[in-house]
mmCIF file of all heavy atoms, coordinates in Angstrom:
data_MODEL
# 
_entry.id   MODEL 
# 
loop_
_atom_site.group_PDB 
_atom_site.id 
_atom_site.type_symbol 
_atom_site.label_atom_id 
_atom_site.label_alt_id 
_atom_site.label_comp_id 
_atom_site.label_asym_id 
_atom_site.label_entity_id 
_atom_site.label_seq_id 
_atom_site.pdbx_PDB_ins_code 
_atom_site.Cartn_x 
_atom_site.Cartn_y 
_atom_site.Cartn_z 
_atom_site.occupancy 
_atom_site.B_iso_or_equiv 
_atom_site.pdbx_formal_charge 
_atom_site.auth_seq_id 
_atom_site.auth_comp_id 
_atom_site.auth_asym_id 
_atom_site.auth_atom_id 
_atom_site.pdbx_PDB_model_num 
ATOM 1   N N   . LEU A 1 1  ? -37.311 18.522 12.418  1.00 0.00 ? 1  LEU A N   1 
ATOM 2   C CA  . LEU A 1 1  ? -38.057 17.978 11.279  1.00 0.00 ? 1  LEU A CA  1 
ATOM 3   C C   . LEU A 1 1  ? -37.186 17.058 10.428  1.00 0.00 ? 1  LEU A C   1 
ATOM 4   O O   . LEU A 1 1  ? -37.650 15.992 9.991   1.00 0.00 ? 1  LEU A O   1 
ATOM 5   C CB  . LEU A 1 1  ? -38.621 19.111 10.422  1.00 0.00 ? 1  LEU A CB  1 
ATOM 6   C CG  . LEU A 1 1  ? -39.820 19.840 11.001  1.00 0.00 ? 1  LEU A CG  1 
ATOM 7   C CD1 . LEU A 1 1  ? -40.080 21.133 10.241  1.00 0.00 ? 1  LEU A CD1 1 
ATOM 8   C CD2 . LEU A 1 1  ? -41.052 18.938 10.962  1.00 0.00 ? 1  LEU A CD2 1 
ATOM 9   N N   . LEU A 1 2  ? -35.951 17.437 10.189  1.00 0.00 ? 2  LEU A N   1 
ATOM 10  C CA  . LEU A 1 2  ? -35.070 16.594 9.378   1.00 0.00 ? 2  LEU A CA  1 
ATOM 11  C C   . LEU A 1 2  ? -34.795 15.263 10.066  1.00 0.00 ? 2  LEU A C   1 
ATOM 12  O O   . LEU A 1 2  ? -34.803 14.208 9.422   1.00 0.00 ? 2  LEU A O   1 
ATOM 13  C CB  . LEU A 1 2  ? -33.766 17.329 9.070   1.00 0.00 ? 2  LEU A CB  1 
ATOM 14  C CG  . LEU A 1 2  ? -33.897 18.573 8.197   1.00 0.00 ? 2  LEU A CG  1 
ATOM 15  C CD1 . LEU A 1 2  ? -32.535 19.214 7.974   1.00 0.00 ? 2  LEU A CD1 1 
ATOM 16  C CD2 . LEU A 1 2  ? -34.584 18.267 6.884   1.00 0.00 ? 2  LEU A CD2 1 
ATOM 17  N N   . ASN A 1 3  ? -34.578 15.304 11.373  1.00 0.00 ? 3  ASN A N   1 
ATOM 18  C CA  . ASN A 1 3  ? -34.360 14.056 12.113  1.00 0.00 ? 3  ASN A CA  1 
ATOM 19  C C   . ASN A 1 3  ? -35.607 13.181 12.097  1.00 0.00 ? 3  ASN A C   1 
ATOM 20  O O   . ASN A 1 3  ? -35.508 11.955 11.960  1.00 0.00 ? 3  ASN A O   1 
ATOM 21  C CB  . ASN A 1 3  ? -33.895 14.357 13.536  1.00 0.00 ? 3  ASN A CB  1 
ATOM 22  C CG  . ASN A 1 3  ? -32.448 14.812 13.565  1.00 0.00 ? 3  ASN A CG  1 
ATOM 23  O OD1 . ASN A 1 3  ? -31.593 14.221 12.916  1.00 0.00 ? 3  ASN A OD1 1 
ATOM 24  N ND2 . ASN A 1 3  ? -32.170 15.870 14.294  1.00 0.00 ? 3  ASN A ND2 1 
ATOM 25  N N   . LYS A 1 4  ? -36.778 13.793 12.188  1.00 0.00 ? 4  LYS A N   1 
ATOM 26  C CA  . LYS A 1 4  ? -38.033 13.041 12.119  1.00 0.00 ? 4  LYS A CA  1 
ATOM 27  C C   . LYS A 1 4  ? -38.204 12.412 10.738  1.00 0.00 ? 4  LYS A C   1 
ATOM 28  O O   . LYS A 1 4  ? -38.586 11.243 10.616  1.00 0.00 ? 4  LYS A O   1 
ATOM 29  C CB  . LYS A 1 4  ? -39.216 13.959 12.432  1.00 0.00 ? 4  LYS A CB  1 
ATOM 30  C CG  . LYS A 1 4  ? -40.554 13.261 12.423  1.00 0.00 ? 4  LYS A CG  1 
ATOM 31  C CD  . LYS A 1 4  ? -41.690 14.199 12.802  1.00 0.00 ? 4  LYS A CD  1 
ATOM 32  C CE  . LYS A 1 4  ? -43.011 13.468 12.787  1.00 0.00 ? 4  LYS A CE  1 
ATOM 33  N NZ  . LYS A 1 4  ? -44.125 14.356 13.132  1.00 0.00 ? 4  LYS A NZ  1 
ATOM 34  N N   . LEU A 1 5  ? -37.910 13.174 9.701   1.00 0.00 ? 5  LEU A N   1 
ATOM 35  C CA  . LEU A 1 5  ? -38.017 12.649 8.342   1.00 0.00 ? 5  LEU A CA  1 
ATOM 36  C C   . LEU A 1 5  ? -37.069 11.466 8.140   1.00 0.00 ? 5  LEU A C   1 
ATOM 37  O O   . LEU A 1 5  ? -37.449 10.459 7.527   1.00 0.00 ? 5  LEU A O   1 
ATOM 38  C CB  . LEU A 1 5  ? -37.725 13.751 7.319   1.00 0.00 ? 5  LEU A CB  1 
ATOM 39  C CG  . LEU A 1 5  ? -38.840 14.772 7.126   1.00 0.00 ? 5  LEU A CG  1 
ATOM 40  C CD1 . LEU A 1 5  ? -38.316 16.018 6.427   1.00 0.00 ? 5  LEU A CD1 1 
ATOM 41  C CD2 . LEU A 1 5  ? -39.999 14.165 6.349   1.00 0.00 ? 5  LEU A CD2 1 
ATOM 42  N N   . GLN A 1 6  ? -35.864 11.568 8.658   1.00 0.00 ? 6  GLN A N   1 
ATOM 43  C CA  . GLN A 1 6  ? -34.919 10.458 8.536   1.00 0.00 ? 6  GLN A CA  1 
ATOM 44  C C   . GLN A 1 6  ? -35.426 9.224  9.272   1.00 0.00 ? 6  GLN A C   1 
ATOM 45  O O   . GLN A 1 6  ? -35.311 8.109  8.757   1.00 0.00 ? 6  GLN A O   1 
ATOM 46  C CB  . GLN A 1 6  ? -33.542 10.852 9.055   1.00 0.00 ? 6  GLN A CB  1 
ATOM 47  C CG  . GLN A 1 6  ? -32.764 11.670 8.054   1.00 0.00 ? 6  GLN A CG  1 
ATOM 48  C CD  . GLN A 1 6  ? -31.382 12.023 8.549   1.00 0.00 ? 6  GLN A CD  1 
ATOM 49  O OE1 . GLN A 1 6  ? -31.222 12.477 9.686   1.00 0.00 ? 6  GLN A OE1 1 
ATOM 50  N NE2 . GLN A 1 6  ? -30.391 11.826 7.700   1.00 0.00 ? 6  GLN A NE2 1 
ATOM 51  N N   . LYS A 1 7  ? -35.992 9.419  10.440  1.00 0.00 ? 7  LYS A N   1 
ATOM 52  C CA  . LYS A 1 7  ? -36.543 8.279  11.183  1.00 0.00 ? 7  LYS A CA  1 
ATOM 53  C C   . LYS A 1 7  ? -37.677 7.615  10.417  1.00 0.00 ? 7  LYS A C   1 
ATOM 54  O O   . LYS A 1 7  ? -37.921 6.424  10.565  1.00 0.00 ? 7  LYS A O   1 
ATOM 55  C CB  . LYS A 1 7  ? -37.022 8.726  12.568  1.00 0.00 ? 7  LYS A CB  1 
ATOM 56  C CG  . LYS A 1 7  ? -35.902 9.001  13.528  1.00 0.00 ? 7  LYS A CG  1 
ATOM 57  C CD  . LYS A 1 7  ? -36.402 9.471  14.873  1.00 0.00 ? 7  LYS A CD  1 
ATOM 58  C CE  . LYS A 1 7  ? -35.219 9.866  15.730  1.00 0.00 ? 7  LYS A CE  1 
ATOM 59  N NZ  . LYS A 1 7  ? -35.617 10.537 16.962  1.00 0.00 ? 7  LYS A NZ  1 
ATOM 60  N N   . ASN A 1 8  ? -38.357 8.397  9.590   1.00 0.00 ? 8  ASN A N   1 
ATOM 61  C CA  . ASN A 1 8  ? -39.453 7.862  8.770   1.00 0.00 ? 8  ASN A CA  1 
ATOM 62  C C   . ASN A 1 8  ? -38.968 7.339  7.422   1.00 0.00 ? 8  ASN A C   1 
ATOM 63  O O   . ASN A 1 8  ? -39.771 7.044  6.547   1.00 0.00 ? 8  ASN A O   1 
ATOM 64  C CB  . ASN A 1 8  ? -40.528 8.937  8.561   1.00 0.00 ? 8  ASN A CB  1 
ATOM 65  C CG  . ASN A 1 8  ? -41.272 9.251  9.843   1.00 0.00 ? 8  ASN A CG  1 
ATOM 66  O OD1 . ASN A 1 8  ? -41.339 8.441  10.756  1.00 0.00 ? 8  ASN A OD1 1 
ATOM 67  N ND2 . ASN A 1 8  ? -41.819 10.458 9.926   1.00 0.00 ? 8  ASN A ND2 1 
ATOM 68  N N   . GLY A 1 9  ? -37.651 7.255  7.242   1.00 0.00 ? 9  GLY A N   1 
ATOM 69  C CA  . GLY A 1 9  ? -37.103 6.640  6.043   1.00 0.00 ? 9  GLY A CA  1 
ATOM 70  C C   . GLY A 1 9  ? -36.674 7.574  4.929   1.00 0.00 ? 9  GLY A C   1 
ATOM 71  O O   . GLY A 1 9  ? -36.210 7.123  3.885   1.00 0.00 ? 9  GLY A O   1 
ATOM 72  N N   . HIS A 1 10 ? -36.814 8.877  5.132   1.00 0.00 ? 10 HIS A N   1 
ATOM 73  C CA  . HIS A 1 10 ? -36.381 9.832  4.109   1.00 0.00 ? 10 HIS A CA  1 
ATOM 74  C C   . HIS A 1 10 ? -34.881 10.075 4.223   1.00 0.00 ? 10 HIS A C   1 
ATOM 75  O O   . HIS A 1 10 ? -34.326 10.085 5.314   1.00 0.00 ? 10 HIS A O   1 
ATOM 76  C CB  . HIS A 1 10 ? -37.114 11.174 4.278   1.00 0.00 ? 10 HIS A CB  1 
ATOM 77  C CG  . HIS A 1 10 ? -38.573 11.087 4.025   1.00 0.00 ? 10 HIS A CG  1 
ATOM 78  N ND1 . HIS A 1 10 ? -39.115 11.175 2.774   1.00 0.00 ? 10 HIS A ND1 1 
ATOM 79  C CD2 . HIS A 1 10 ? -39.615 10.905 4.876   1.00 0.00 ? 10 HIS A CD2 1 
ATOM 80  C CE1 . HIS A 1 10 ? -40.431 11.063 2.848   1.00 0.00 ? 10 HIS A CE1 1 
ATOM 81  N NE2 . HIS A 1 10 ? -40.753 10.891 4.120   1.00 0.00 ? 10 HIS A NE2 1 
ATOM 82  N N   . LYS A 1 11 ? -34.241 10.289 3.107   1.00 0.00 ? 11 LYS A N   1 
ATOM 83  C CA  . LYS A 1 11 ? -32.827 10.670 3.090   1.00 0.00 ? 11 LYS A CA  1 
ATOM 84  C C   . LYS A 1 11 ? -32.746 12.187 3.000   1.00 0.00 ? 11 LYS A C   1 
ATOM 85  O O   . LYS A 1 11 ? -33.543 12.818 2.315   1.00 0.00 ? 11 LYS A O   1 
ATOM 86  C CB  . LYS A 1 11 ? -32.109 10.011 1.918   1.00 0.00 ? 11 LYS A CB  1 
ATOM 87  C CG  . LYS A 1 11 ? -32.089 8.489  2.052   1.00 0.00 ? 11 LYS A CG  1 
ATOM 88  C CD  . LYS A 1 11 ? -30.987 7.887  1.253   1.00 0.00 ? 11 LYS A CD  1 
ATOM 89  C CE  . LYS A 1 11 ? -30.956 6.397  1.337   1.00 0.00 ? 11 LYS A CE  1 
ATOM 90  N NZ  . LYS A 1 11 ? -30.758 5.852  2.641   1.00 0.00 ? 11 LYS A NZ  1 
ATOM 91  N N   . ILE A 1 12 ? -31.774 12.760 3.685   1.00 0.00 ? 12 ILE A N   1 
ATOM 92  C CA  . ILE A 1 12 ? -31.617 14.213 3.752   1.00 0.00 ? 12 ILE A CA  1 
ATOM 93  C C   . ILE A 1 12 ? -30.255 14.578 3.171   1.00 0.00 ? 12 ILE A C   1 
ATOM 94  O O   . ILE A 1 12 ? -29.239 13.995 3.550   1.00 0.00 ? 12 ILE A O   1 
ATOM 95  C CB  . ILE A 1 12 ? -31.711 14.710 5.214   1.00 0.00 ? 12 ILE A CB  1 
ATOM 96  C CG1 . ILE A 1 12 ? -33.006 14.247 5.880   1.00 0.00 ? 12 ILE A CG1 1 
ATOM 97  C CG2 . ILE A 1 12 ? -31.559 16.225 5.279   1.00 0.00 ? 12 ILE A CG2 1 
ATOM 98  C CD1 . ILE A 1 12 ? -34.264 14.766 5.266   1.00 0.00 ? 12 ILE A CD1 1 
ATOM 99  N N   . GLY A 1 13 ? -30.253 15.572 2.279   1.00 0.00 ? 13 GLY A N   1 
ATOM 100 C CA  . GLY A 1 13 ? -28.992 15.946 1.660   1.00 0.00 ? 13 GLY A CA  1 
ATOM 101 C C   . GLY A 1 13 ? -28.836 17.439 1.447   1.00 0.00 ? 13 GLY A C   1 
ATOM 102 O O   . GLY A 1 13 ? -29.798 18.204 1.509   1.00 0.00 ? 13 GLY A O   1 
ATOM 103 N N   . ILE A 1 14 ? -27.604 17.806 1.184   1.00 0.00 ? 14 ILE A N   1 
ATOM 104 C CA  . ILE A 1 14 ? -27.225 19.173 0.816   1.00 0.00 ? 14 ILE A CA  1 
ATOM 105 C C   . ILE A 1 14 ? -26.703 19.113 -0.610  1.00 0.00 ? 14 ILE A C   1 
ATOM 106 O O   . ILE A 1 14 ? -25.931 18.216 -0.953  1.00 0.00 ? 14 ILE A O   1 
ATOM 107 C CB  . ILE A 1 14 ? -26.112 19.710 1.746   1.00 0.00 ? 14 ILE A CB  1 
ATOM 108 C CG1 . ILE A 1 14 ? -26.611 19.841 3.187   1.00 0.00 ? 14 ILE A CG1 1 
ATOM 109 C CG2 . ILE A 1 14 ? -25.535 21.023 1.230   1.00 0.00 ? 14 ILE A CG2 1 
ATOM 110 C CD1 . ILE A 1 14 ? -27.650 20.916 3.413   1.00 0.00 ? 14 ILE A CD1 1 
ATOM 111 N N   . VAL A 1 15 ? -27.133 20.062 -1.441  1.00 0.00 ? 15 VAL A N   1 
ATOM 112 C CA  . VAL A 1 15 ? -26.573 20.195 -2.786  1.00 0.00 ? 15 VAL A CA  1 
ATOM 113 C C   . VAL A 1 15 ? -26.328 21.678 -3.011  1.00 0.00 ? 15 VAL A C   1 
ATOM 114 O O   . VAL A 1 15 ? -27.245 22.484 -3.049  1.00 0.00 ? 15 VAL A O   1 
ATOM 115 C CB  . VAL A 1 15 ? -27.465 19.556 -3.878  1.00 0.00 ? 15 VAL A CB  1 
ATOM 116 C CG1 . VAL A 1 15 ? -28.862 20.140 -3.909  1.00 0.00 ? 15 VAL A CG1 1 
ATOM 117 C CG2 . VAL A 1 15 ? -26.795 19.610 -5.234  1.00 0.00 ? 15 VAL A CG2 1 
ATOM 118 N N   . SER A 1 16 ? -25.066 22.049 -3.074  1.00 0.00 ? 16 SER A N   1 
ATOM 119 C CA  . SER A 1 16 ? -24.689 23.451 -3.089  1.00 0.00 ? 16 SER A CA  1 
ATOM 120 C C   . SER A 1 16 ? -23.534 23.665 -4.056  1.00 0.00 ? 16 SER A C   1 
ATOM 121 O O   . SER A 1 16 ? -22.828 22.723 -4.423  1.00 0.00 ? 16 SER A O   1 
ATOM 122 C CB  . SER A 1 16 ? -24.290 23.871 -1.667  1.00 0.00 ? 16 SER A CB  1 
ATOM 123 O OG  . SER A 1 16 ? -24.076 25.257 -1.573  1.00 0.00 ? 16 SER A OG  1 
ATOM 124 N N   . TRP A 1 17 ? -23.339 24.905 -4.440  1.00 0.00 ? 17 TRP A N   1 
ATOM 125 C CA  . TRP A 1 17 ? -22.277 25.255 -5.374  1.00 0.00 ? 17 TRP A CA  1 
ATOM 126 C C   . TRP A 1 17 ? -21.118 25.928 -4.679  1.00 0.00 ? 17 TRP A C   1 
ATOM 127 O O   . TRP A 1 17 ? -21.276 26.588 -3.657  1.00 0.00 ? 17 TRP A O   1 
ATOM 128 C CB  . TRP A 1 17 ? -22.793 26.211 -6.440  1.00 0.00 ? 17 TRP A CB  1 
ATOM 129 C CG  . TRP A 1 17 ? -23.652 25.592 -7.488  1.00 0.00 ? 17 TRP A CG  1 
ATOM 130 C CD1 . TRP A 1 17 ? -23.731 24.285 -7.837  1.00 0.00 ? 17 TRP A CD1 1 
ATOM 131 C CD2 . TRP A 1 17 ? -24.559 26.288 -8.340  1.00 0.00 ? 17 TRP A CD2 1 
ATOM 132 N NE1 . TRP A 1 17 ? -24.630 24.121 -8.869  1.00 0.00 ? 17 TRP A NE1 1 
ATOM 133 C CE2 . TRP A 1 17 ? -25.151 25.337 -9.191  1.00 0.00 ? 17 TRP A CE2 1 
ATOM 134 C CE3 . TRP A 1 17 ? -24.932 27.619 -8.472  1.00 0.00 ? 17 TRP A CE3 1 
ATOM 135 C CZ2 . TRP A 1 17 ? -26.088 25.676 -10.160 1.00 0.00 ? 17 TRP A CZ2 1 
ATOM 136 C CZ3 . TRP A 1 17 ? -25.866 27.954 -9.435  1.00 0.00 ? 17 TRP A CZ3 1 
ATOM 137 C CH2 . TRP A 1 17 ? -26.436 26.992 -10.269 1.00 0.00 ? 17 TRP A CH2 1 
ATOM 138 N N   . LEU A 1 18 ? -19.979 25.815 -5.304  1.00 0.00 ? 18 LEU A N   1 
ATOM 139 C CA  . LEU A 1 18 ? -18.792 26.574 -4.928  1.00 0.00 ? 18 LEU A CA  1 
ATOM 140 C C   . LEU A 1 18 ? -18.912 27.970 -5.518  1.00 0.00 ? 18 LEU A C   1 
ATOM 141 O O   . LEU A 1 18 ? -19.853 28.261 -6.252  1.00 0.00 ? 18 LEU A O   1 
ATOM 142 C CB  . LEU A 1 18 ? -17.543 25.861 -5.466  1.00 0.00 ? 18 LEU A CB  1 
ATOM 143 C CG  . LEU A 1 18 ? -17.301 24.478 -4.863  1.00 0.00 ? 18 LEU A CG  1 
ATOM 144 C CD1 . LEU A 1 18 ? -16.377 23.656 -5.754  1.00 0.00 ? 18 LEU A CD1 1 
ATOM 145 C CD2 . LEU A 1 18 ? -16.741 24.611 -3.455  1.00 0.00 ? 18 LEU A CD2 1 
ATOM 146 N N   . ALA A 1 19 ? -17.950 28.817 -5.246  1.00 0.00 ? 19 ALA A N   1 
ATOM 147 C CA  . ALA A 1 19 ? -17.965 30.180 -5.777  1.00 0.00 ? 19 ALA A CA  1 
ATOM 148 C C   . ALA A 1 19 ? -17.727 30.161 -7.290  1.00 0.00 ? 19 ALA A C   1 
ATOM 149 O O   . ALA A 1 19 ? -17.036 29.291 -7.817  1.00 0.00 ? 19 ALA A O   1 
ATOM 150 C CB  . ALA A 1 19 ? -16.895 31.027 -5.089  1.00 0.00 ? 19 ALA A CB  1 
ATOM 151 N N   . LYS A 1 20 ? -18.288 31.136 -7.953  1.00 0.00 ? 20 LYS A N   1 
ATOM 152 C CA  . LYS A 1 20 ? -18.127 31.286 -9.400  1.00 0.00 ? 20 LYS A CA  1 
ATOM 153 C C   . LYS A 1 20 ? -16.663 31.609 -9.733  1.00 0.00 ? 20 LYS A C   1 
ATOM 154 O O   . LYS A 1 20 ? -16.033 32.399 -9.041  1.00 0.00 ? 20 LYS A O   1 
ATOM 155 C CB  . LYS A 1 20 ? -19.042 32.422 -9.876  1.00 0.00 ? 20 LYS A CB  1 
ATOM 156 C CG  . LYS A 1 20 ? -19.202 32.533 -11.348 1.00 0.00 ? 20 LYS A CG  1 
ATOM 157 C CD  . LYS A 1 20 ? -20.241 33.613 -11.658 1.00 0.00 ? 20 LYS A CD  1 
ATOM 158 C CE  . LYS A 1 20 ? -20.563 33.678 -13.113 1.00 0.00 ? 20 LYS A CE  1 
ATOM 159 N NZ  . LYS A 1 20 ? -21.608 34.678 -13.404 1.00 0.00 ? 20 LYS A NZ  1 
ATOM 160 N N   . ASN A 1 21 ? -16.154 31.003 -10.796 1.00 0.00 ? 21 ASN A N   1 
ATOM 161 C CA  . ASN A 1 21 ? -14.781 31.251 -11.275 1.00 0.00 ? 21 ASN A CA  1 
ATOM 162 C C   . ASN A 1 21 ? -13.728 31.037 -10.191 1.00 0.00 ? 21 ASN A C   1 
ATOM 163 O O   . ASN A 1 21 ? -12.781 31.811 -10.064 1.00 0.00 ? 21 ASN A O   1 
ATOM 164 C CB  . ASN A 1 21 ? -14.654 32.666 -11.845 1.00 0.00 ? 21 ASN A CB  1 
ATOM 165 C CG  . ASN A 1 21 ? -15.610 32.912 -12.984 1.00 0.00 ? 21 ASN A CG  1 
ATOM 166 O OD1 . ASN A 1 21 ? -15.805 32.048 -13.830 1.00 0.00 ? 21 ASN A OD1 1 
ATOM 167 N ND2 . ASN A 1 21 ? -16.222 34.083 -13.002 1.00 0.00 ? 21 ASN A ND2 1 
ATOM 168 N N   . SER A 1 22 ? -13.865 29.996 -9.419  1.00 0.00 ? 22 SER A N   1 
ATOM 169 C CA  . SER A 1 22 ? -12.955 29.765 -8.295  1.00 0.00 ? 22 SER A CA  1 
ATOM 170 C C   . SER A 1 22 ? -11.774 28.879 -8.688  1.00 0.00 ? 22 SER A C   1 
ATOM 171 O O   . SER A 1 22 ? -11.826 28.136 -9.659  1.00 0.00 ? 22 SER A O   1 
ATOM 172 C CB  . SER A 1 22 ? -13.719 29.131 -7.133  1.00 0.00 ? 22 SER A CB  1 
ATOM 173 O OG  . SER A 1 22 ? -14.294 27.906 -7.541  1.00 0.00 ? 22 SER A OG  1 
ATOM 174 N N   . THR A 1 23 ? -10.737 28.959 -7.874  1.00 0.00 ? 23 THR A N   1 
ATOM 175 C CA  . THR A 1 23 ? -9.567  28.102 -8.052  1.00 0.00 ? 23 THR A CA  1 
ATOM 176 C C   . THR A 1 23 ? -9.742  26.836 -7.218  1.00 0.00 ? 23 THR A C   1 
ATOM 177 O O   . THR A 1 23 ? -10.588 26.779 -6.317  1.00 0.00 ? 23 THR A O   1 
ATOM 178 C CB  . THR A 1 23 ? -8.290  28.820 -7.590  1.00 0.00 ? 23 THR A CB  1 
ATOM 179 O OG1 . THR A 1 23 ? -8.403  29.084 -6.174  1.00 0.00 ? 23 THR A OG1 1 
ATOM 180 C CG2 . THR A 1 23 ? -8.073  30.118 -8.345  1.00 0.00 ? 23 THR A CG2 1 
ATOM 181 N N   . GLU A 1 24 ? -8.922  25.851 -7.486  1.00 0.00 ? 24 GLU A N   1 
ATOM 182 C CA  . GLU A 1 24 ? -8.990  24.597 -6.734  1.00 0.00 ? 24 GLU A CA  1 
ATOM 183 C C   . GLU A 1 24 ? -8.734  24.832 -5.240  1.00 0.00 ? 24 GLU A C   1 
ATOM 184 O O   . GLU A 1 24 ? -9.411  24.264 -4.391  1.00 0.00 ? 24 GLU A O   1 
ATOM 185 C CB  . GLU A 1 24 ? -7.984  23.595 -7.300  1.00 0.00 ? 24 GLU A CB  1 
ATOM 186 C CG  . GLU A 1 24 ? -8.124  22.215 -6.715  1.00 0.00 ? 24 GLU A CG  1 
ATOM 187 C CD  . GLU A 1 24 ? -7.208  21.211 -7.393  1.00 0.00 ? 24 GLU A CD  1 
ATOM 188 O OE1 . GLU A 1 24 ? -6.847  21.407 -8.570  1.00 0.00 ? 24 GLU A OE1 1 
ATOM 189 O OE2 . GLU A 1 24 ? -6.856  20.225 -6.717  1.00 0.00 ? 24 GLU A OE2 1 
ATOM 190 N N   . ASN A 1 25 ? -7.777  25.687 -4.922  1.00 0.00 ? 25 ASN A N   1 
ATOM 191 C CA  . ASN A 1 25 ? -7.467  25.990 -3.530  1.00 0.00 ? 25 ASN A CA  1 
ATOM 192 C C   . ASN A 1 25 ? -8.651  26.666 -2.830  1.00 0.00 ? 25 ASN A C   1 
ATOM 193 O O   . ASN A 1 25 ? -8.985  26.341 -1.686  1.00 0.00 ? 25 ASN A O   1 
ATOM 194 C CB  . ASN A 1 25 ? -6.218  26.878 -3.452  1.00 0.00 ? 25 ASN A CB  1 
ATOM 195 C CG  . ASN A 1 25 ? -5.773  27.110 -2.028  1.00 0.00 ? 25 ASN A CG  1 
ATOM 196 O OD1 . ASN A 1 25 ? -5.652  26.174 -1.249  1.00 0.00 ? 25 ASN A OD1 1 
ATOM 197 N ND2 . ASN A 1 25 ? -5.519  28.364 -1.694  1.00 0.00 ? 25 ASN A ND2 1 
ATOM 198 N N   . TYR A 1 26 ? -9.290  27.593 -3.524  1.00 0.00 ? 26 TYR A N   1 
ATOM 199 C CA  . TYR A 1 26 ? -10.439 28.276 -2.939  1.00 0.00 ? 26 TYR A CA  1 
ATOM 200 C C   . TYR A 1 26 ? -11.619 27.316 -2.801  1.00 0.00 ? 26 TYR A C   1 
ATOM 201 O O   . TYR A 1 26 ? -12.367 27.397 -1.825  1.00 0.00 ? 26 TYR A O   1 
ATOM 202 C CB  . TYR A 1 26 ? -10.815 29.491 -3.786  1.00 0.00 ? 26 TYR A CB  1 
ATOM 203 C CG  . TYR A 1 26 ? -11.866 30.377 -3.154  1.00 0.00 ? 26 TYR A CG  1 
ATOM 204 C CD1 . TYR A 1 26 ? -11.765 30.785 -1.841  1.00 0.00 ? 26 TYR A CD1 1 
ATOM 205 C CD2 . TYR A 1 26 ? -12.961 30.805 -3.892  1.00 0.00 ? 26 TYR A CD2 1 
ATOM 206 C CE1 . TYR A 1 26 ? -12.725 31.607 -1.260  1.00 0.00 ? 26 TYR A CE1 1 
ATOM 207 C CE2 . TYR A 1 26 ? -13.923 31.631 -3.323  1.00 0.00 ? 26 TYR A CE2 1 
ATOM 208 C CZ  . TYR A 1 26 ? -13.794 32.024 -2.009  1.00 0.00 ? 26 TYR A CZ  1 
ATOM 209 O OH  . TYR A 1 26 ? -14.751 32.825 -1.449  1.00 0.00 ? 26 TYR A OH  1 
ATOM 210 N N   . ASP A 1 27 ? -11.777 26.408 -3.751  1.00 0.00 ? 27 ASP A N   1 
ATOM 211 C CA  . ASP A 1 27 ? -12.840 25.398 -3.652  1.00 0.00 ? 27 ASP A CA  1 
ATOM 212 C C   . ASP A 1 27 ? -12.714 24.603 -2.352  1.00 0.00 ? 27 ASP A C   1 
ATOM 213 O O   . ASP A 1 27 ? -13.716 24.320 -1.686  1.00 0.00 ? 27 ASP A O   1 
ATOM 214 C CB  . ASP A 1 27 ? -12.790 24.428 -4.837  1.00 0.00 ? 27 ASP A CB  1 
ATOM 215 C CG  . ASP A 1 27 ? -13.212 25.054 -6.145  1.00 0.00 ? 27 ASP A CG  1 
ATOM 216 O OD1 . ASP A 1 27 ? -13.769 26.175 -6.137  1.00 0.00 ? 27 ASP A OD1 1 
ATOM 217 O OD2 . ASP A 1 27 ? -12.984 24.419 -7.193  1.00 0.00 ? 27 ASP A OD2 1 
ATOM 218 N N   . ILE A 1 28 ? -11.505 24.270 -1.982  1.00 0.00 ? 28 ILE A N   1 
ATOM 219 C CA  . ILE A 1 28 ? -11.275 23.536 -0.736  1.00 0.00 ? 28 ILE A CA  1 
ATOM 220 C C   . ILE A 1 28 ? -11.681 24.383 0.463   1.00 0.00 ? 28 ILE A C   1 
ATOM 221 O O   . ILE A 1 28 ? -12.357 23.903 1.383   1.00 0.00 ? 28 ILE A O   1 
ATOM 222 C CB  . ILE A 1 28 ? -9.799  23.087 -0.635  1.00 0.00 ? 28 ILE A CB  1 
ATOM 223 C CG1 . ILE A 1 28 ? -9.497  22.043 -1.711  1.00 0.00 ? 28 ILE A CG1 1 
ATOM 224 C CG2 . ILE A 1 28 ? -9.477  22.552 0.761   1.00 0.00 ? 28 ILE A CG2 1 
ATOM 225 C CD1 . ILE A 1 28 ? -8.020  21.771 -1.922  1.00 0.00 ? 28 ILE A CD1 1 
# 
């Protein structure tokens, strides 16, 4: 479905969070 949507001109993305109260190293 995502590939079909892209072929029809839709952009597909991920928007997600890192862990709560994390360090820079853990974020990586």
